Amino acid sequence: MKGFKDPGFQDRAAASAKAKQRALEKMKAMPERDPAEVAARLARQQEREEREAAKREAARVAREAELAAKAEKAAQEAAAAEAAKPKVRTEAELKAARDARYAARKKRKS
């Protein structure tokens, strides 16, 4: 490549300094922001954040209510299943019932 000149360190440093200077001048040329405009923008941003926080809180409450309803339904189903199960009586309960019948029969005879 004819005519290509490899830029040295000095050239690169000078180009960087010029770019920084141009950026600084461009920034200085920008008009200052109106404090009322900045305050209004901050207020809008804060309102938006508050709305988002309220939405998140409402969603959390709805999830908790849904989970509570599911837990209640599961408890009711478990209670219904327990009630539908035939009751298994122990030997002691059977003996007590038999003794009560025997005592009632003895009392009727006497």
Protein backbone atom coordinates (compact mmCIF):
# COMPACT_ATOMS: atom_id res chain seq x y z
CA MET A 1 0.00 0.00 0.00
CA LYS A 2 1.62 3.08 -1.22
CA GLY A 3 1.05 6.22 0.74
CA PHE A 4 -0.06 4.52 3.95
CA LYS A 5 1.62 6.08 6.92
CA ASP A 6 1.57 4.07 10.16
CA PRO A 7 0.50 6.54 12.85
CA GLY A 8 2.94 6.66 15.71
CA PHE A 9 2.25 7.22 19.37
CA GLN A 10 2.47 10.99 19.06
CA ASP A 11 -0.09 11.02 16.23
CA ARG A 12 -2.51 8.81 18.13
CA ALA A 13 -2.14 10.88 21.32
CA ALA A 14 -2.77 14.11 19.40
CA ALA A 15 -5.86 12.66 17.71
CA SER A 16 -7.19 11.51 21.08
CA ALA A 17 -6.61 14.92 22.65
CA LYS A 18 -8.43 16.64 19.73
CA ALA A 19 -11.40 14.26 20.07
CA LYS A 20 -11.61 14.93 23.80
CA GLN A 21 -11.44 18.67 23.22
CA ARG A 22 -14.22 18.51 20.60
CA ALA A 23 -16.41 16.48 22.97
CA LEU A 24 -15.80 18.99 25.76
CA GLU A 25 -16.65 21.94 23.51
CA LYS A 26 -19.81 20.18 22.31
CA MET A 27 -20.87 19.57 25.89
CA LYS A 28 -20.19 23.17 26.89
CA ALA A 29 -22.23 24.40 23.90
CA MET A 30 -25.30 22.51 25.12
CA PRO A 31 -27.87 24.76 26.82
CA GLU A 32 -28.27 24.37 30.56
CA ARG A 33 -31.28 22.43 31.68
CA ASP A 34 -34.20 24.25 33.19
CA PRO A 35 -34.52 23.28 36.89
CA ALA A 36 -38.32 23.16 36.58
CA GLU A 37 -38.02 20.75 33.67
CA VAL A 38 -35.61 18.56 35.61
CA ALA A 39 -37.93 18.57 38.65
CA ALA A 40 -40.93 17.67 36.48
CA ARG A 41 -39.02 14.81 34.86
CA LEU A 42 -37.95 13.49 38.27
CA ALA A 43 -41.54 13.73 39.52
CA ARG A 44 -42.82 11.75 36.54
CA GLN A 45 -40.14 9.14 37.06
CA GLN A 46 -41.02 8.84 40.75
CA GLU A 47 -44.74 8.48 39.93
CA ARG A 48 -43.94 5.76 37.41
CA GLU A 49 -41.82 3.91 39.98
CA GLU A 50 -44.62 4.20 42.57
CA ARG A 51 -47.17 2.79 40.08
CA GLU A 52 -44.85 -0.10 39.27
CA ALA A 53 -44.31 -0.79 42.98
CA ALA A 54 -48.08 -0.76 43.55
CA LYS A 55 -48.57 -3.20 40.66
CA ARG A 56 -45.90 -5.50 42.09
CA GLU A 57 -47.53 -5.36 45.53
CA ALA A 58 -50.98 -6.09 44.07
CA ALA A 59 -49.56 -9.05 42.15
CA ARG A 60 -47.88 -10.34 45.30
CA VAL A 61 -51.12 -10.07 47.29
CA ALA A 62 -53.02 -11.84 44.50
CA ARG A 63 -50.45 -14.67 44.42
CA GLU A 64 -50.66 -15.05 48.20
CA ALA A 65 -54.46 -15.11 48.08
CA GLU A 66 -54.36 -17.72 45.33
CA LEU A 67 -51.93 -19.86 47.30
CA ALA A 68 -54.10 -19.53 50.42
CA ALA A 69 -57.17 -20.58 48.44
CA LYS A 70 -55.32 -23.59 47.04
CA ALA A 71 -54.14 -24.56 50.51
CA GLU A 72 -57.68 -24.23 51.89
CA LYS A 73 -59.07 -26.35 49.06
CA ALA A 74 -56.41 -29.00 49.63
CA ALA A 75 -57.21 -29.05 53.34
CA GLN A 76 -60.93 -29.46 52.61
CA GLU A 77 -60.21 -32.26 50.14
CA ALA A 78 -57.98 -33.98 52.69
CA ALA A 79 -60.69 -33.67 55.36
CA ALA A 80 -63.31 -35.04 52.96
CA ALA A 81 -61.03 -37.95 52.04
CA GLU A 82 -60.43 -38.66 55.73
CA ALA A 83 -64.17 -38.58 56.45
CA ALA A 84 -64.89 -40.89 53.52
CA LYS A 85 -62.38 -43.45 54.75
CA PRO A 86 -63.94 -46.30 56.71
CA LYS A 87 -62.97 -45.98 60.34
CA VAL A 88 -60.80 -48.80 61.52
CA ARG A 89 -61.62 -49.59 65.12
CA THR A 90 -59.01 -50.92 67.48
CA GLU A 91 -59.36 -54.06 69.54
CA ALA A 92 -59.85 -51.99 72.68
CA GLU A 93 -62.70 -50.03 71.07
CA LEU A 94 -64.38 -53.23 69.92
CA LYS A 95 -64.03 -54.75 73.40
CA ALA A 96 -65.44 -51.61 75.04
CA ALA A 97 -68.45 -51.63 72.69
CA ARG A 98 -69.04 -55.34 73.33
CA ASP A 99 -68.81 -54.79 77.11
CA ALA A 100 -71.27 -51.88 76.89
CA ARG A 101 -73.77 -54.06 74.99
CA TYR A 102 -73.31 -56.86 77.52
CA ALA A 103 -73.87 -54.47 80.44
CA ALA A 104 -76.98 -53.02 78.79
CA ARG A 105 -78.37 -56.52 78.22
CA LYS A 106 -77.67 -57.51 81.85
CA LYS A 107 -79.38 -54.34 83.06
CA ARG A 108 -82.50 -55.04 80.97
CA LYS A 109 -82.75 -58.60 82.32
CA SER A 110 -82.58 -57.56 85.92
